Amino acid sequence: MAYRELSAQPQTQADFDEFLADLYRELKQGVRDPNEVVRDTLCQIYLGILTPPAEVEKLLPGARALMHSFDPRNVTTEPEYYPDIDAKLYAERKPFIWLWQMFDRSAL
């Protein structure tokens, strides 16, 4: 049985395309630390805003904790518990793993 062809509304598709193109460009340029790109991207996805780090301290404690959890450097993923992991190699890949996991859990 074949599936029906489904698609988003035109403006919705354009917004998704723009979001993903911006993220791709930001990651491929290699100018910014990938941890910061991931933190800012997750902030946009989950909160709909981009709060500069200087303004985070003005938030309530729970909101600050949430903001910090978007930064891959502030979370521990399962592989990090194991002693045989190459910590340096994993640290290079961790931002992308965290982005993938959190993106997958989001409403997007």
PDB file of N, CA and C in Angstrom:
ATOM      1  N   MET A   1       0.848  -1.176   0.000  1.00  0.00           N
ATOM      2  CA  MET A   1       0.000   0.000   0.000  1.00  0.00           C
ATOM      3  C   MET A   1       0.895   1.242   0.000  1.00  0.00           C
ATOM      4  N   ALA A   2       0.562   2.184  -0.829  1.00  0.00           N
ATOM      5  CA  ALA A   2       1.320   3.432  -0.916  1.00  0.00           C
ATOM      6  C   ALA A   2       0.782   4.432   0.099  1.00  0.00           C
ATOM      7  N   TYR A   3       1.665   5.267   0.573  1.00  0.00           N
ATOM      8  CA  TYR A   3       1.275   6.315   1.514  1.00  0.00           C
ATOM      9  C   TYR A   3       0.737   7.527   0.759  1.00  0.00           C
ATOM     10  N   ARG A   4      -0.115   8.259   1.433  1.00  0.00           N
ATOM     11  CA  ARG A   4      -0.577   9.529   0.872  1.00  0.00           C
ATOM     12  C   ARG A   4       0.570  10.519   0.928  1.00  0.00           C
ATOM     13  N   GLU A   5       0.596  11.441   0.012  1.00  0.00           N
ATOM     14  CA  GLU A   5       1.618  12.483   0.049  1.00  0.00           C
ATOM     15  C   GLU A   5       1.120  13.607   0.954  1.00  0.00           C
ATOM     16  N   LEU A   6       1.888  13.895   1.990  1.00  0.00           N
ATOM     17  CA  LEU A   6       1.532  14.932   2.950  1.00  0.00           C
ATOM     18  C   LEU A   6       2.573  16.036   2.883  1.00  0.00           C
ATOM     19  N   SER A   7       2.133  17.255   3.128  1.00  0.00           N
ATOM     20  CA  SER A   7       3.090  18.364   3.144  1.00  0.00           C
ATOM     21  C   SER A   7       2.585  19.460   4.068  1.00  0.00           C
ATOM     22  N   ALA A   8       3.520  20.266   4.503  1.00  0.00           N
ATOM     23  CA  ALA A   8       3.183  21.411   5.356  1.00  0.00           C
ATOM     24  C   ALA A   8       2.632  22.536   4.486  1.00  0.00           C
ATOM     25  N   GLN A   9       1.997  23.486   5.134  1.00  0.00           N
ATOM     26  CA  GLN A   9       1.543  24.664   4.416  1.00  0.00           C
ATOM     27  C   GLN A   9       2.766  25.411   3.893  1.00  0.00           C
ATOM     28  N   PRO A  10       2.625  26.163   2.804  1.00  0.00           N
ATOM     29  CA  PRO A  10       3.785  26.813   2.179  1.00  0.00           C
ATOM     30  C   PRO A  10       4.631  27.663   3.131  1.00  0.00           C
ATOM     31  N   GLN A  11       4.012  28.502   3.948  1.00  0.00           N
ATOM     32  CA  GLN A  11       4.797  29.348   4.856  1.00  0.00           C
ATOM     33  C   GLN A  11       5.484  28.508   5.925  1.00  0.00           C
ATOM     34  N   THR A  12       4.800  27.480   6.391  1.00  0.00           N
ATOM     35  CA  THR A  12       5.397  26.577   7.375  1.00  0.00           C
ATOM     36  C   THR A  12       6.625  25.901   6.791  1.00  0.00           C
ATOM     37  N   GLN A  13       6.514  25.390   5.578  1.00  0.00           N
ATOM     38  CA  GLN A  13       7.645  24.738   4.918  1.00  0.00           C
ATOM     39  C   GLN A  13       8.798  25.715   4.728  1.00  0.00           C
ATOM     40  N   ALA A  14       8.480  26.945   4.338  1.00  0.00           N
ATOM     41  CA  ALA A  14       9.518  27.967   4.154  1.00  0.00           C
ATOM     42  C   ALA A  14      10.224  28.268   5.473  1.00  0.00           C
ATOM     43  N   ASP A  15       9.470  28.336   6.565  1.00  0.00           N
ATOM     44  CA  ASP A  15      10.069  28.611   7.878  1.00  0.00           C
ATOM     45  C   ASP A  15      10.969  27.464   8.330  1.00  0.00           C
ATOM     46  N   PHE A  16      10.521  26.232   8.131  1.00  0.00           N
ATOM     47  CA  PHE A  16      11.358  25.073   8.473  1.00  0.00           C
ATOM     48  C   PHE A  16      12.635  25.071   7.638  1.00  0.00           C
ATOM     49  N   ASP A  17      12.486  25.329   6.341  1.00  0.00           N
ATOM     50  CA  ASP A  17      13.654  25.351   5.454  1.00  0.00           C
ATOM     51  C   ASP A  17      14.648  26.423   5.876  1.00  0.00           C
ATOM     52  N   GLU A  18      14.139  27.609   6.229  1.00  0.00           N
ATOM     53  CA  GLU A  18      15.018  28.696   6.668  1.00  0.00           C
ATOM     54  C   GLU A  18      15.732  28.331   7.969  1.00  0.00           C
ATOM     55  N   PHE A  19      14.994  27.767   8.914  1.00  0.00           N
ATOM     56  CA  PHE A  19      15.583  27.368  10.190  1.00  0.00           C
ATOM     57  C   PHE A  19      16.708  26.359   9.979  1.00  0.00           C
ATOM     58  N   LEU A  20      16.435  25.324   9.189  1.00  0.00           N
ATOM     59  CA  LEU A  20      17.438  24.282   8.959  1.00  0.00           C
ATOM     60  C   LEU A  20      18.624  24.795   8.147  1.00  0.00           C
ATOM     61  N   ALA A  21      18.376  25.675   7.186  1.00  0.00           N
ATOM     62  CA  ALA A  21      19.471  26.257   6.402  1.00  0.00           C
ATOM     63  C   ALA A  21      20.366  27.119   7.287  1.00  0.00           C
ATOM     64  N   ASP A  22      19.759  27.906   8.171  1.00  0.00           N
ATOM     65  CA  ASP A  22      20.543  28.734   9.100  1.00  0.00           C
ATOM     66  C   ASP A  22      21.384  27.863  10.028  1.00  0.00           C
ATOM     67  N   LEU A  23      20.795  26.808  10.554  1.00  0.00           N
ATOM     68  CA  LEU A  23      21.518  25.899  11.444  1.00  0.00           C
ATOM     69  C   LEU A  23      22.672  25.227  10.698  1.00  0.00           C
ATOM     70  N   TYR A  24      22.412  24.755   9.508  1.00  0.00           N
ATOM     71  CA  TYR A  24      23.448  24.106   8.699  1.00  0.00           C
ATOM     72  C   TYR A  24      24.611  25.064   8.438  1.00  0.00           C
ATOM     73  N   ARG A  25      24.277  26.283   8.029  1.00  0.00           N
ATOM     74  CA  ARG A  25      25.306  27.292   7.742  1.00  0.00           C
ATOM     75  C   ARG A  25      26.121  27.599   8.997  1.00  0.00           C
ATOM     76  N   GLU A  26      25.450  27.764  10.105  1.00  0.00           N
ATOM     77  CA  GLU A  26      26.118  28.088  11.375  1.00  0.00           C
ATOM     78  C   GLU A  26      27.095  26.980  11.778  1.00  0.00           C
ATOM     79  N   LEU A  27      26.686  25.743  11.596  1.00  0.00           N
ATOM     80  CA  LEU A  27      27.548  24.619  11.967  1.00  0.00           C
ATOM     81  C   LEU A  27      28.685  24.413  10.970  1.00  0.00           C
ATOM     82  N   LYS A  28      28.413  24.610   9.689  1.00  0.00           N
ATOM     83  CA  LYS A  28      29.433  24.383   8.663  1.00  0.00           C
ATOM     84  C   LYS A  28      30.502  25.473   8.639  1.00  0.00           C
ATOM     85  N   GLN A  29      30.138  26.707   8.992  1.00  0.00           N
ATOM     86  CA  GLN A  29      31.110  27.805   8.977  1.00  0.00           C
ATOM     87  C   GLN A  29      32.248  27.548   9.949  1.00  0.00           C
ATOM     88  N   GLY A  30      31.934  26.949  11.073  1.00  0.00           N
ATOM     89  CA  GLY A  30      32.966  26.650  12.053  1.00  0.00           C
ATOM     90  C   GLY A  30      33.516  27.865  12.767  1.00  0.00           C
ATOM     91  N   VAL A  31      32.815  28.978  12.719  1.00  0.00           N
ATOM     92  CA  VAL A  31      33.270  30.210  13.371  1.00  0.00           C
ATOM     93  C   VAL A  31      32.967  30.172  14.863  1.00  0.00           C
ATOM     94  N   ARG A  32      31.770  29.745  15.210  1.00  0.00           N
ATOM     95  CA  ARG A  32      31.352  29.692  16.615  1.00  0.00           C
ATOM     96  C   ARG A  32      31.567  28.304  17.189  1.00  0.00           C
ATOM     97  N   ASP A  33      31.741  28.251  18.488  1.00  0.00           N
ATOM     98  CA  ASP A  33      31.848  26.986  19.214  1.00  0.00           C
ATOM     99  C   ASP A  33      30.551  26.200  18.989  1.00  0.00           C
ATOM    100  N   PRO A  34      30.627  24.943  18.550  1.00  0.00           N
ATOM    101  CA  PRO A  34      29.413  24.150  18.330  1.00  0.00           C
ATOM    102  C   PRO A  34      28.524  24.048  19.568  1.00  0.00           C
ATOM    103  N   ASN A  35      29.111  24.070  20.760  1.00  0.00           N
ATOM    104  CA  ASN A  35      28.310  24.036  21.987  1.00  0.00           C
ATOM    105  C   ASN A  35      27.402  25.252  22.073  1.00  0.00           C
ATOM    106  N   GLU A  36      27.903  26.413  21.665  1.00  0.00           N
ATOM    107  CA  GLU A  36      27.102  27.638  21.699  1.00  0.00           C
ATOM    108  C   GLU A  36      26.026  27.624  20.618  1.00  0.00           C
ATOM    109  N   VAL A  37      26.369  27.116  19.449  1.00  0.00           N
ATOM    110  CA  VAL A  37      25.376  27.005  18.377  1.00  0.00           C
ATOM    111  C   VAL A  37      24.231  26.098  18.825  1.00  0.00           C
ATOM    112  N   VAL A  38      24.574  24.972  19.431  1.00  0.00           N
ATOM    113  CA  VAL A  38      23.554  24.037  19.913  1.00  0.00           C
ATOM    114  C   VAL A  38      22.725  24.683  21.019  1.00  0.00           C
ATOM    115  N   ARG A  39      23.380  25.328  21.975  1.00  0.00           N
ATOM    116  CA  ARG A  39      22.658  25.996  23.069  1.00  0.00           C
ATOM    117  C   ARG A  39      21.650  26.993  22.510  1.00  0.00           C
ATOM    118  N   ASP A  40      22.089  27.839  21.588  1.00  0.00           N
ATOM    119  CA  ASP A  40      21.206  28.865  21.032  1.00  0.00           C
ATOM    120  C   ASP A  40      20.084  28.252  20.195  1.00  0.00           C
ATOM    121  N   THR A  41      20.395  27.194  19.469  1.00  0.00           N
ATOM    122  CA  THR A  41      19.385  26.525  18.651  1.00  0.00           C
ATOM    123  C   THR A  41      18.313  25.887  19.531  1.00  0.00           C
ATOM    124  N   LEU A  42      18.731  25.215  20.589  1.00  0.00           N
ATOM    125  CA  LEU A  42      17.754  24.590  21.490  1.00  0.00           C
ATOM    126  C   LEU A  42      16.921  25.635  22.218  1.00  0.00           C
ATOM    127  N   CYS A  43      17.518  26.758  22.527  1.00  0.00           N
ATOM    128  CA  CYS A  43      16.769  27.854  23.149  1.00  0.00           C
ATOM    129  C   CYS A  43      15.667  28.327  22.200  1.00  0.00           C
ATOM    130  N   GLN A  44      16.006  28.449  20.928  1.00  0.00           N
ATOM    131  CA  GLN A  44      15.002  28.853  19.942  1.00  0.00           C
ATOM    132  C   GLN A  44      13.893  27.811  19.826  1.00  0.00           C
ATOM    133  N   ILE A  45      14.285  26.538  19.746  1.00  0.00           N
ATOM    134  CA  ILE A  45      13.308  25.465  19.563  1.00  0.00           C
ATOM    135  C   ILE A  45      12.362  25.347  20.758  1.00  0.00           C
ATOM    136  N   TYR A  46      12.914  25.359  21.949  1.00  0.00           N
ATOM    137  CA  TYR A  46      12.107  25.098  23.143  1.00  0.00           C
ATOM    138  C   TYR A  46      11.440  26.343  23.723  1.00  0.00           C
ATOM    139  N   LEU A  47      12.077  27.498  23.576  1.00  0.00           N
ATOM    140  CA  LEU A  47      11.531  28.709  24.193  1.00  0.00           C
ATOM    141  C   LEU A  47      11.056  29.745  23.186  1.00  0.00           C
ATOM    142  N   GLY A  48      11.452  29.580  21.932  1.00  0.00           N
ATOM    143  CA  GLY A  48      11.056  30.543  20.913  1.00  0.00           C
ATOM    144  C   GLY A  48      11.795  31.862  21.001  1.00  0.00           C
ATOM    145  N   ILE A  49      12.886  31.885  21.773  1.00  0.00           N
ATOM    146  CA  ILE A  49      13.673  33.110  21.933  1.00  0.00           C
ATOM    147  C   ILE A  49      15.152  32.762  21.916  1.00  0.00           C
ATOM    148  N   LEU A  50      15.941  33.770  21.709  1.00  0.00           N
ATOM    149  CA  LEU A  50      17.386  33.614  21.835  1.00  0.00           C
ATOM    150  C   LEU A  50      17.835  34.606  22.895  1.00  0.00           C
ATOM    151  N   THR A  51      18.086  34.105  24.092  1.00  0.00           N
ATOM    152  CA  THR A  51      18.500  34.963  25.196  1.00  0.00           C
ATOM    153  C   THR A  51      20.016  35.012  25.246  1.00  0.00           C
ATOM    154  N   PRO A  52      20.593  36.189  25.034  1.00  0.00           N
ATOM    155  CA  PRO A  52      22.051  36.289  25.134  1.00  0.00           C
ATOM    156  C   PRO A  52      22.522  35.884  26.530  1.00  0.00           C
ATOM    157  N   PRO A  53      23.695  35.263  26.635  1.00  0.00           N
ATOM    158  CA  PRO A  53      24.200  34.816  27.940  1.00  0.00           C
ATOM    159  C   PRO A  53      24.196  35.897  29.013  1.00  0.00           C
ATOM    160  N   ALA A  54      24.424  37.146  28.646  1.00  0.00           N
ATOM    161  CA  ALA A  54      24.453  38.226  29.632  1.00  0.00           C
ATOM    162  C   ALA A  54      23.095  38.410  30.303  1.00  0.00           C
ATOM    163  N   GLU A  55      22.019  38.071  29.616  1.00  0.00           N
ATOM    164  CA  GLU A  55      20.681  38.270  30.161  1.00  0.00           C
ATOM    165  C   GLU A  55      20.162  37.065  30.943  1.00  0.00           C
ATOM    166  N   VAL A  56      20.847  35.957  30.876  1.00  0.00           N
ATOM    167  CA  VAL A  56      20.399  34.751  31.575  1.00  0.00           C
ATOM    168  C   VAL A  56      20.314  34.991  33.078  1.00  0.00           C
ATOM    169  N   GLU A  57      21.242  35.720  33.637  1.00  0.00           N
ATOM    170  CA  GLU A  57      21.272  35.953  35.087  1.00  0.00           C
ATOM    171  C   GLU A  57      20.066  36.741  35.589  1.00  0.00           C
ATOM    172  N   LYS A  58      19.335  37.396  34.694  1.00  0.00           N
ATOM    173  CA  LYS A  58      18.149  38.151  35.091  1.00  0.00           C
ATOM    174  C   LYS A  58      16.918  37.249  35.234  1.00  0.00           C
ATOM    175  N   LEU A  59      17.023  36.013  34.789  1.00  0.00           N
ATOM    176  CA  LEU A  59      15.890  35.087  34.827  1.00  0.00           C
ATOM    177  C   LEU A  59      15.727  34.460  36.208  1.00  0.00           C
ATOM    178  N   LEU A  60      14.564  33.864  36.447  1.00  0.00           N
ATOM    179  CA  LEU A  60      14.326  33.117  37.681  1.00  0.00           C
ATOM    180  C   LEU A  60      15.232  31.885  37.708  1.00  0.00           C
ATOM    181  N   PRO A  61      15.531  31.354  38.906  1.00  0.00           N
ATOM    182  CA  PRO A  61      16.447  30.210  39.006  1.00  0.00           C
ATOM    183  C   PRO A  61      16.057  29.009  38.140  1.00  0.00           C
ATOM    184  N   GLY A  62      14.786  28.666  38.107  1.00  0.00           N
ATOM    185  CA  GLY A  62      14.358  27.533  37.283  1.00  0.00           C
ATOM    186  C   GLY A  62      14.579  27.783  35.799  1.00  0.00           C
ATOM    187  N   ALA A  63      14.322  29.012  35.376  1.00  0.00           N
ATOM    188  CA  ALA A  63      14.540  29.370  33.972  1.00  0.00           C
ATOM    189  C   ALA A  63      16.026  29.345  33.636  1.00  0.00           C
ATOM    190  N   ARG A  64      16.861  29.790  34.582  1.00  0.00           N
ATOM    191  CA  ARG A  64      18.317  29.732  34.362  1.00  0.00           C
ATOM    192  C   ARG A  64      18.775  28.286  34.239  1.00  0.00           C
ATOM    193  N   ALA A  65      18.258  27.417  35.108  1.00  0.00           N
ATOM    194  CA  ALA A  65      18.631  25.999  35.046  1.00  0.00           C
ATOM    195  C   ALA A  65      18.228  25.402  33.695  1.00  0.00           C
ATOM    196  N   LEU A  66      17.042  25.753  33.218  1.00  0.00           N
ATOM    197  CA  LEU A  66      16.592  25.280  31.910  1.00  0.00           C
ATOM    198  C   LEU A  66      17.523  25.773  30.811  1.00  0.00           C
ATOM    199  N   MET A  67      17.861  27.047  30.850  1.00  0.00           N
ATOM    200  CA  MET A  67      18.771  27.614  29.847  1.00  0.00           C
ATOM    201  C   MET A  67      20.111  26.896  29.868  1.00  0.00           C
ATOM    202  N   HIS A  68      20.636  26.623  31.044  1.00  0.00           N
ATOM    203  CA  HIS A  68      21.932  25.945  31.144  1.00  0.00           C
ATOM    204  C   HIS A  68      21.866  24.526  30.582  1.00  0.00           C
ATOM    205  N   SER A  69      20.703  23.888  30.689  1.00  0.00           N
ATOM    206  CA  SER A  69      20.580  22.509  30.201  1.00  0.00           C
ATOM    207  C   SER A  69      20.620  22.424  28.681  1.00  0.00           C
ATOM    208  N   PHE A  70      20.459  23.527  27.998  1.00  0.00           N
ATOM    209  CA  PHE A  70      20.556  23.520  26.540  1.00  0.00           C
ATOM    210  C   PHE A  70      22.004  23.434  26.069  1.00  0.00           C
ATOM    211  N   ASP A  71      22.941  23.803  26.924  1.00  0.00           N
ATOM    212  CA  ASP A  71      24.364  23.781  26.570  1.00  0.00           C
ATOM    213  C   ASP A  71      24.911  22.372  26.808  1.00  0.00           C
ATOM    214  N   PRO A  72      25.422  21.713  25.772  1.00  0.00           N
ATOM    215  CA  PRO A  72      25.921  20.344  25.927  1.00  0.00           C
ATOM    216  C   PRO A  72      27.002  20.197  26.994  1.00  0.00           C
ATOM    217  N   ARG A  73      27.713  21.257  27.289  1.00  0.00           N
ATOM    218  CA  ARG A  73      28.775  21.189  28.302  1.00  0.00           C
ATOM    219  C   ARG A  73      28.210  21.056  29.709  1.00  0.00           C
ATOM    220  N   ASN A  74      26.914  21.313  29.876  1.00  0.00           N
ATOM    221  CA  ASN A  74      26.289  21.270  31.197  1.00  0.00           C
ATOM    222  C   ASN A  74      25.457  20.017  31.439  1.00  0.00           C
ATOM    223  N   VAL A  75      25.515  19.069  30.533  1.00  0.00           N
ATOM    224  CA  VAL A  75      24.760  17.823  30.693  1.00  0.00           C
ATOM    225  C   VAL A  75      25.706  16.632  30.569  1.00  0.00           C
ATOM    226  N   THR A  76      25.274  15.518  31.115  1.00  0.00           N
ATOM    227  CA  THR A  76      26.037  14.277  30.994  1.00  0.00           C
ATOM    228  C   THR A  76      25.193  13.285  30.214  1.00  0.00           C
ATOM    229  N   THR A  77      25.745  12.783  29.141  1.00  0.00           N
ATOM    230  CA  THR A  77      25.053  11.772  28.354  1.00  0.00           C
ATOM    231  C   THR A  77      25.558  10.390  28.766  1.00  0.00           C
ATOM    232  N   GLU A  78      24.799   9.374  28.453  1.00  0.00           N
ATOM    233  CA  GLU A  78      25.123   8.026  28.938  1.00  0.00           C
ATOM    234  C   GLU A  78      26.553   7.575  28.639  1.00  0.00           C
ATOM    235  N   PRO A  79      27.076   7.754  27.435  1.00  0.00           N
ATOM    236  CA  PRO A  79      28.436   7.261  27.166  1.00  0.00           C
ATOM    237  C   PRO A  79      29.511   7.845  28.086  1.00  0.00           C
ATOM    238  N   GLU A  80      29.249   9.019  28.640  1.00  0.00           N
ATOM    239  CA  GLU A  80      30.254   9.663  29.487  1.00  0.00           C
ATOM    240  C   GLU A  80      30.453   8.952  30.827  1.00  0.00           C
ATOM    241  N   TYR A  81      29.548   8.087  31.190  1.00  0.00           N
ATOM    242  CA  TYR A  81      29.680   7.347  32.445  1.00  0.00           C
ATOM    243  C   TYR A  81      30.677   6.195  32.345  1.00  0.00           C
ATOM    244  N   TYR A  82      30.961   5.764  31.136  1.00  0.00           N
ATOM    245  CA  TYR A  82      31.800   4.582  30.947  1.00  0.00           C
ATOM    246  C   TYR A  82      33.280   4.955  30.907  1.00  0.00           C
ATOM    247  N   PRO A  83      34.122   4.204  31.616  1.00  0.00           N
ATOM    248  CA  PRO A  83      35.544   4.550  31.703  1.00  0.00           C
ATOM    249  C   PRO A  83      36.322   4.342  30.406  1.00  0.00           C
ATOM    250  N   ASP A  84      35.813   3.527  29.502  1.00  0.00           N
ATOM    251  CA  ASP A  84      36.569   3.251  28.283  1.00  0.00           C
ATOM    252  C   ASP A  84      36.304   4.245  27.149  1.00  0.00           C
ATOM    253  N   ILE A  85      35.545   5.300  27.421  1.00  0.00           N
ATOM    254  CA  ILE A  85      35.264   6.307  26.404  1.00  0.00           C
ATOM    255  C   ILE A  85      36.505   7.177  26.172  1.00  0.00           C
ATOM    256  N   ASP A  86      36.698   7.579  24.944  1.00  0.00           N
ATOM    257  CA  ASP A  86      37.739   8.554  24.617  1.00  0.00           C
ATOM    258  C   ASP A  86      37.106   9.930  24.845  1.00  0.00           C
ATOM    259  N   ALA A  87      37.355  10.517  25.996  1.00  0.00           N
ATOM    260  CA  ALA A  87      36.676  11.750  26.414  1.00  0.00           C
ATOM    261  C   ALA A  87      36.911  12.899  25.438  1.00  0.00           C
ATOM    262  N   LYS A  88      38.119  13.028  24.940  1.00  0.00           N
ATOM    263  CA  LYS A  88      38.434  14.123  24.012  1.00  0.00           C
ATOM    264  C   LYS A  88      37.659  13.960  22.704  1.00  0.00           C
ATOM    265  N   LEU A  89      37.672  12.766  22.175  1.00  0.00           N
ATOM    266  CA  LEU A  89      36.963  12.486  20.929  1.00  0.00           C
ATOM    267  C   LEU A  89      35.455  12.664  21.110  1.00  0.00           C
ATOM    268  N   TYR A  90      34.936  12.197  22.235  1.00  0.00           N
ATOM    269  CA  TYR A  90      33.503  12.330  22.487  1.00  0.00           C
ATOM    270  C   TYR A  90      33.110  13.798  22.658  1.00  0.00           C
ATOM    271  N   ALA A  91      33.944  14.584  23.306  1.00  0.00           N
ATOM    272  CA  ALA A  91      33.646  16.007  23.515  1.00  0.00           C
ATOM    273  C   ALA A  91      33.492  16.749  22.190  1.00  0.00           C
ATOM    274  N   GLU A  92      34.228  16.321  21.177  1.00  0.00           N
ATOM    275  CA  GLU A  92      34.110  16.950  19.856  1.00  0.00           C
ATOM    276  C   GLU A  92      32.764  16.639  19.212  1.00  0.00           C
ATOM    277  N   ARG A  93      32.215  15.491  19.501  1.00  0.00           N
ATOM    278  CA  ARG A  93      30.966  15.053  18.885  1.00  0.00           C
ATOM    279  C   ARG A  93      29.728  15.308  19.749  1.00  0.00           C
ATOM    280  N   LYS A  94      29.947  15.536  21.012  1.00  0.00           N
ATOM    281  CA  LYS A  94      28.843  15.675  21.959  1.00  0.00           C
ATOM    282  C   LYS A  94      27.837  16.763  21.579  1.00  0.00           C
ATOM    283  N   PRO A  95      28.267  17.950  21.118  1.00  0.00           N
ATOM    284  CA  PRO A  95      27.261  18.957  20.769  1.00  0.00           C
ATOM    285  C   PRO A  95      26.263  18.456  19.726  1.00  0.00           C
ATOM    286  N   PHE A  96      26.757  17.698  18.754  1.00  0.00           N
ATOM    287  CA  PHE A  96      25.888  17.206  17.689  1.00  0.00           C
ATOM    288  C   PHE A  96      24.968  16.092  18.187  1.00  0.00           C
ATOM    289  N   ILE A  97      25.470  15.280  19.077  1.00  0.00           N
ATOM    290  CA  ILE A  97      24.651  14.226  19.681  1.00  0.00           C
ATOM    291  C   ILE A  97      23.549  14.855  20.532  1.00  0.00           C
ATOM    292  N   TRP A  98      23.918  15.866  21.331  1.00  0.00           N
ATOM    293  CA  TRP A  98      22.940  16.539  22.193  1.00  0.00           C
ATOM    294  C   TRP A  98      21.883  17.251  21.355  1.00  0.00           C
ATOM    295  N   LEU A  99      22.297  17.910  20.280  1.00  0.00           N
ATOM    296  CA  LEU A  99      21.347  18.581  19.392  1.00  0.00           C
ATOM    297  C   LEU A  99      20.380  17.557  18.800  1.00  0.00           C
ATOM    298  N   TRP A 100      20.902  16.454  18.340  1.00  0.00           N
ATOM    299  CA  TRP A 100      20.070  15.412  17.739  1.00  0.00           C
ATOM    300  C   TRP A 100      19.069  14.875  18.765  1.00  0.00           C
ATOM    301  N   GLN A 101      19.528  14.563  19.971  1.00  0.00           N
ATOM    302  CA  GLN A 101      18.631  14.020  20.991  1.00  0.00           C
ATOM    303  C   GLN A 101      17.542  15.024  21.368  1.00  0.00           C
ATOM    304  N   MET A 102      17.931  16.259  21.591  1.00  0.00           N
ATOM    305  CA  MET A 102      16.958  17.269  22.013  1.00  0.00           C
ATOM    306  C   MET A 102      16.029  17.674  20.871  1.00  0.00           C
ATOM    307  N   PHE A 103      16.556  17.744  19.658  1.00  0.00           N
ATOM    308  CA  PHE A 103      15.719  18.045  18.498  1.00  0.00           C
ATOM    309  C   PHE A 103      14.676  16.942  18.332  1.00  0.00           C
ATOM    310  N   ASP A 104      15.103  15.706  18.497  1.00  0.00           N
ATOM    311  CA  ASP A 104      14.209  14.563  18.357  1.00  0.00           C
ATOM    312  C   ASP A 104      13.102  14.579  19.408  1.00  0.00           C
ATOM    313  N   ARG A 105      13.375  15.115  20.576  1.00  0.00           N
ATOM    314  CA  ARG A 105      12.381  15.178  21.663  1.00  0.00           C
ATOM    315  C   ARG A 105      11.462  16.393  21.552  1.00  0.00           C
ATOM    316  N   SER A 106      11.809  17.317  20.686  1.00  0.00           N
ATOM    317  CA  SER A 106      11.031  18.553  20.568  1.00  0.00           C
ATOM    318  C   SER A 106       9.773  18.333  19.726  1.00  0.00           C
ATOM    319  N   ALA A 107       8.941  19.329  19.694  1.00  0.00           N
ATOM    320  CA  ALA A 107       7.718  19.257  18.891  1.00  0.00           C
ATOM    321  C   ALA A 107       8.001  19.401  17.399  1.00  0.00           C
ATOM    322  N   LEU A 108       9.210  19.819  17.055  1.00  0.00           N
ATOM    323  CA  LEU A 108       9.530  19.954  15.633  1.00  0.00           C
ATOM    324  C   LEU A 108       9.615  18.596  14.994  1.00  0.00           C
TER     325      LEU A 108
END
